[in-house]
Structures are given as structure tokens and as C-alpha cells.
Amino acid sequence: MLTEFHQGIHHVRVLAYPIACRGNRYSVQTGLALDKSMVLLADFRTKLLLLAPIVILLAAAGGHAMRSRGMVPVRASVRVL
């Protein structure tokens, strides 16, 4: 069973697994502090939220420029007719 909980400001993930050995039942448990992971994810989320609008605007500007260049021959042929 994999669980995650908060102990104060600390985030901890615990894995508990029941085993049977020589007729006895045991529960093996191990835990992992997620503090560094949570800080990294929060930092990544902040950067993603800041950079996503910029990337979208750059992609839109690039698409507009490509469309404009592609339409030059069409505009020229329409003027001839």
C-alpha cells in the first residue's frame, strides 16, 4: 500500500507491504521524504506558468509570419486577375 501524508511542513511517502515468512506475517514499511521533490515541482510549476504564455505568443507570431510569406504568391496572382 502506497500512501502519502504531510507531517507539519514535511511531505512523506510510505510504502507498506505485508509478507509471510515461515508462518509468521510481517509488515515491511519504508518511507521517503519528498521535501526536495515538492520544492522542485513548485519551482517547475512557477516557471511553466510564466513561460507558457510567452511560448504561445512566439508560436502565434511565427505562424502569422509563415502564413504571410506563404500568401505573397496568392496575393500577386489575385492582383493579376
N, C-alpha and C. Protein backbone atom coordinates (compact mmCIF):
# COMPACT_ATOMS: atom_id res chain seq x y z
N MET A 1 0.85 -1.16 0.00
CA MET A 1 0.00 0.00 0.00
C MET A 1 0.90 1.23 0.00
N LEU A 2 0.68 2.12 -0.94
CA LEU A 2 1.46 3.35 -1.07
C LEU A 2 0.61 4.51 -0.59
N THR A 3 1.11 5.24 0.38
CA THR A 3 0.38 6.39 0.91
C THR A 3 1.31 7.58 0.99
N GLU A 4 0.71 8.74 0.96
CA GLU A 4 1.46 9.98 1.08
C GLU A 4 0.76 10.85 2.12
N PHE A 5 1.54 11.44 3.01
CA PHE A 5 0.94 12.29 4.02
C PHE A 5 1.87 13.45 4.35
N HIS A 6 1.32 14.41 5.05
CA HIS A 6 2.05 15.60 5.46
C HIS A 6 2.24 15.56 6.96
N GLN A 7 3.44 15.79 7.38
CA GLN A 7 3.73 15.87 8.81
C GLN A 7 4.30 17.27 9.05
N GLY A 8 3.43 18.16 9.46
CA GLY A 8 3.85 19.56 9.58
C GLY A 8 4.06 20.13 8.18
N ILE A 9 5.27 20.61 7.93
CA ILE A 9 5.59 21.13 6.60
C ILE A 9 6.28 20.09 5.73
N HIS A 10 6.49 18.90 6.27
CA HIS A 10 7.20 17.85 5.55
C HIS A 10 6.21 16.93 4.83
N HIS A 11 6.58 16.54 3.61
CA HIS A 11 5.80 15.59 2.83
C HIS A 11 6.53 14.25 2.86
N VAL A 12 5.78 13.19 3.15
CA VAL A 12 6.38 11.85 3.27
C VAL A 12 5.55 10.86 2.47
N ARG A 13 6.23 9.97 1.74
CA ARG A 13 5.56 8.87 1.03
C ARG A 13 5.99 7.57 1.69
N VAL A 14 5.01 6.74 2.04
CA VAL A 14 5.28 5.49 2.76
C VAL A 14 4.76 4.32 1.94
N LEU A 15 5.58 3.28 1.86
CA LEU A 15 5.19 2.03 1.22
C LEU A 15 5.15 0.96 2.30
N ALA A 16 4.00 0.33 2.48
CA ALA A 16 3.84 -0.77 3.45
C ALA A 16 3.40 -2.00 2.66
N TYR A 17 4.09 -3.12 2.91
CA TYR A 17 3.82 -4.35 2.16
C TYR A 17 3.78 -5.53 3.13
N PRO A 18 2.66 -6.25 3.18
CA PRO A 18 2.60 -7.41 4.07
C PRO A 18 3.32 -8.61 3.44
N ILE A 19 4.07 -9.33 4.26
CA ILE A 19 4.73 -10.55 3.79
C ILE A 19 4.50 -11.67 4.80
N ALA A 20 4.64 -12.89 4.33
CA ALA A 20 4.53 -14.06 5.21
C ALA A 20 5.83 -14.85 5.09
N CYS A 21 6.40 -15.19 6.25
CA CYS A 21 7.67 -15.91 6.26
C CYS A 21 7.61 -16.95 7.38
N ARG A 22 7.72 -18.23 7.01
CA ARG A 22 7.70 -19.33 7.98
C ARG A 22 6.46 -19.30 8.88
N GLY A 23 5.34 -19.00 8.30
CA GLY A 23 4.09 -19.00 9.04
C GLY A 23 3.80 -17.72 9.81
N ASN A 24 4.72 -16.81 9.86
CA ASN A 24 4.51 -15.53 10.54
C ASN A 24 4.22 -14.44 9.50
N ARG A 25 3.34 -13.51 9.88
CA ARG A 25 3.01 -12.39 8.99
C ARG A 25 3.71 -11.14 9.50
N TYR A 26 4.32 -10.44 8.57
CA TYR A 26 5.04 -9.20 8.89
C TYR A 26 4.56 -8.10 7.95
N SER A 27 4.80 -6.89 8.37
CA SER A 27 4.53 -5.73 7.52
C SER A 27 5.84 -4.97 7.35
N VAL A 28 6.31 -4.92 6.12
CA VAL A 28 7.54 -4.20 5.81
C VAL A 28 7.15 -2.79 5.40
N GLN A 29 7.76 -1.81 6.04
CA GLN A 29 7.44 -0.41 5.75
C GLN A 29 8.71 0.36 5.45
N THR A 30 8.60 1.25 4.48
CA THR A 30 9.71 2.15 4.17
C THR A 30 9.12 3.50 3.82
N GLY A 31 9.87 4.54 4.07
CA GLY A 31 9.38 5.88 3.82
C GLY A 31 10.41 6.72 3.09
N LEU A 32 9.92 7.77 2.45
CA LEU A 32 10.78 8.66 1.69
C LEU A 32 10.30 10.09 1.88
N ALA A 33 11.20 10.97 2.29
CA ALA A 33 10.86 12.39 2.44
C ALA A 33 10.78 13.01 1.04
N LEU A 34 9.73 13.75 0.79
CA LEU A 34 9.50 14.35 -0.52
C LEU A 34 9.74 15.85 -0.53
N ASP A 35 10.42 16.38 0.48
CA ASP A 35 10.60 17.82 0.58
C ASP A 35 11.31 18.39 -0.65
N LYS A 36 12.42 17.79 -1.07
CA LYS A 36 13.16 18.29 -2.23
C LYS A 36 12.32 18.17 -3.50
N SER A 37 11.60 17.07 -3.61
CA SER A 37 10.76 16.86 -4.79
C SER A 37 9.64 17.90 -4.86
N MET A 38 9.05 18.20 -3.73
CA MET A 38 7.97 19.18 -3.71
C MET A 38 8.49 20.57 -4.07
N VAL A 39 9.68 20.91 -3.60
CA VAL A 39 10.28 22.21 -3.93
C VAL A 39 10.56 22.27 -5.43
N LEU A 40 11.12 21.19 -5.99
CA LEU A 40 11.40 21.15 -7.42
C LEU A 40 10.12 21.27 -8.25
N LEU A 41 9.07 20.57 -7.84
CA LEU A 41 7.81 20.65 -8.58
C LEU A 41 7.19 22.03 -8.49
N ALA A 42 7.27 22.67 -7.33
CA ALA A 42 6.73 24.02 -7.19
C ALA A 42 7.51 25.00 -8.07
N ASP A 43 8.82 24.85 -8.11
CA ASP A 43 9.66 25.71 -8.94
C ASP A 43 9.34 25.48 -10.42
N PHE A 44 9.20 24.23 -10.82
CA PHE A 44 8.86 23.90 -12.21
C PHE A 44 7.50 24.47 -12.58
N ARG A 45 6.52 24.35 -11.69
CA ARG A 45 5.18 24.87 -11.94
C ARG A 45 5.21 26.37 -12.15
N THR A 46 5.97 27.08 -11.32
CA THR A 46 6.08 28.53 -11.45
C THR A 46 6.70 28.91 -12.78
N LYS A 47 7.79 28.24 -13.14
CA LYS A 47 8.45 28.55 -14.41
C LYS A 47 7.56 28.22 -15.60
N LEU A 48 6.84 27.12 -15.50
CA LEU A 48 5.94 26.74 -16.58
C LEU A 48 4.82 27.75 -16.76
N LEU A 49 4.25 28.22 -15.67
CA LEU A 49 3.18 29.21 -15.74
C LEU A 49 3.68 30.54 -16.30
N LEU A 50 4.93 30.87 -16.05
CA LEU A 50 5.48 32.11 -16.58
C LEU A 50 5.89 31.99 -18.05
N LEU A 51 6.41 30.84 -18.44
CA LEU A 51 6.92 30.67 -19.79
C LEU A 51 5.87 30.25 -20.81
N ALA A 52 4.82 29.58 -20.39
CA ALA A 52 3.82 29.08 -21.34
C ALA A 52 3.19 30.21 -22.17
N PRO A 53 2.75 31.32 -21.58
CA PRO A 53 2.18 32.39 -22.42
C PRO A 53 3.19 32.97 -23.41
N ILE A 54 4.45 33.06 -23.01
CA ILE A 54 5.47 33.59 -23.91
C ILE A 54 5.67 32.65 -25.09
N VAL A 55 5.74 31.36 -24.82
CA VAL A 55 5.91 30.37 -25.89
C VAL A 55 4.71 30.37 -26.83
N ILE A 56 3.52 30.49 -26.29
CA ILE A 56 2.32 30.53 -27.12
C ILE A 56 2.32 31.76 -28.02
N LEU A 57 2.70 32.92 -27.46
CA LEU A 57 2.76 34.14 -28.27
C LEU A 57 3.83 34.04 -29.36
N LEU A 58 4.98 33.47 -29.04
CA LEU A 58 6.02 33.29 -30.05
C LEU A 58 5.56 32.35 -31.16
N ALA A 59 4.87 31.28 -30.79
CA ALA A 59 4.36 30.34 -31.79
C ALA A 59 3.31 31.02 -32.67
N ALA A 60 2.46 31.83 -32.08
CA ALA A 60 1.44 32.54 -32.86
C ALA A 60 2.10 33.54 -33.81
N ALA A 61 3.11 34.25 -33.34
CA ALA A 61 3.82 35.21 -34.20
C ALA A 61 4.53 34.49 -35.33
N GLY A 62 5.16 33.36 -35.03
CA GLY A 62 5.83 32.58 -36.08
C GLY A 62 4.84 32.06 -37.10
N GLY A 63 3.68 31.58 -36.65
CA GLY A 63 2.65 31.10 -37.56
C GLY A 63 2.11 32.21 -38.45
N HIS A 64 1.94 33.39 -37.87
CA HIS A 64 1.46 34.53 -38.65
C HIS A 64 2.48 34.92 -39.71
N ALA A 65 3.76 34.93 -39.34
CA ALA A 65 4.82 35.28 -40.30
C ALA A 65 4.88 34.25 -41.43
N MET A 66 4.77 32.98 -41.10
CA MET A 66 4.81 31.94 -42.14
C MET A 66 3.59 32.04 -43.06
N ARG A 67 2.44 32.33 -42.48
CA ARG A 67 1.23 32.47 -43.29
C ARG A 67 1.36 33.67 -44.22
N SER A 68 1.89 34.76 -43.71
CA SER A 68 2.04 35.97 -44.52
C SER A 68 2.97 35.72 -45.70
N ARG A 69 4.09 35.04 -45.46
CA ARG A 69 5.02 34.75 -46.55
C ARG A 69 4.42 33.78 -47.55
N GLY A 70 3.63 32.85 -47.08
CA GLY A 70 3.01 31.89 -47.98
C GLY A 70 1.92 32.50 -48.84
N MET A 71 1.32 33.57 -48.37
CA MET A 71 0.22 34.21 -49.11
C MET A 71 0.70 35.20 -50.16
N VAL A 72 1.99 35.54 -50.19
CA VAL A 72 2.51 36.52 -51.16
C VAL A 72 2.21 36.09 -52.60
N PRO A 73 2.51 34.85 -53.01
CA PRO A 73 2.21 34.46 -54.39
C PRO A 73 0.71 34.48 -54.70
N VAL A 74 -0.11 34.13 -53.73
CA VAL A 74 -1.56 34.14 -53.93
C VAL A 74 -2.05 35.56 -54.14
N ARG A 75 -1.57 36.48 -53.36
CA ARG A 75 -1.97 37.89 -53.50
C ARG A 75 -1.54 38.44 -54.86
N ALA A 76 -0.34 38.05 -55.29
CA ALA A 76 0.16 38.52 -56.60
C ALA A 76 -0.70 37.99 -57.72
N SER A 77 -1.12 36.73 -57.64
CA SER A 77 -1.94 36.16 -58.72
C SER A 77 -3.34 36.76 -58.71
N VAL A 78 -3.86 37.13 -57.56
CA VAL A 78 -5.17 37.75 -57.48
C VAL A 78 -5.13 39.13 -58.07
N ARG A 79 -4.05 39.87 -57.88
CA ARG A 79 -3.92 41.22 -58.44
C ARG A 79 -3.85 41.18 -59.97
N VAL A 80 -3.25 40.13 -60.52
CA VAL A 80 -3.12 39.99 -61.96
C VAL A 80 -4.50 39.78 -62.58
N LEU A 81 -5.32 38.99 -61.92
CA LEU A 81 -6.65 38.71 -62.47
C LEU A 81 -7.51 39.91 -62.30
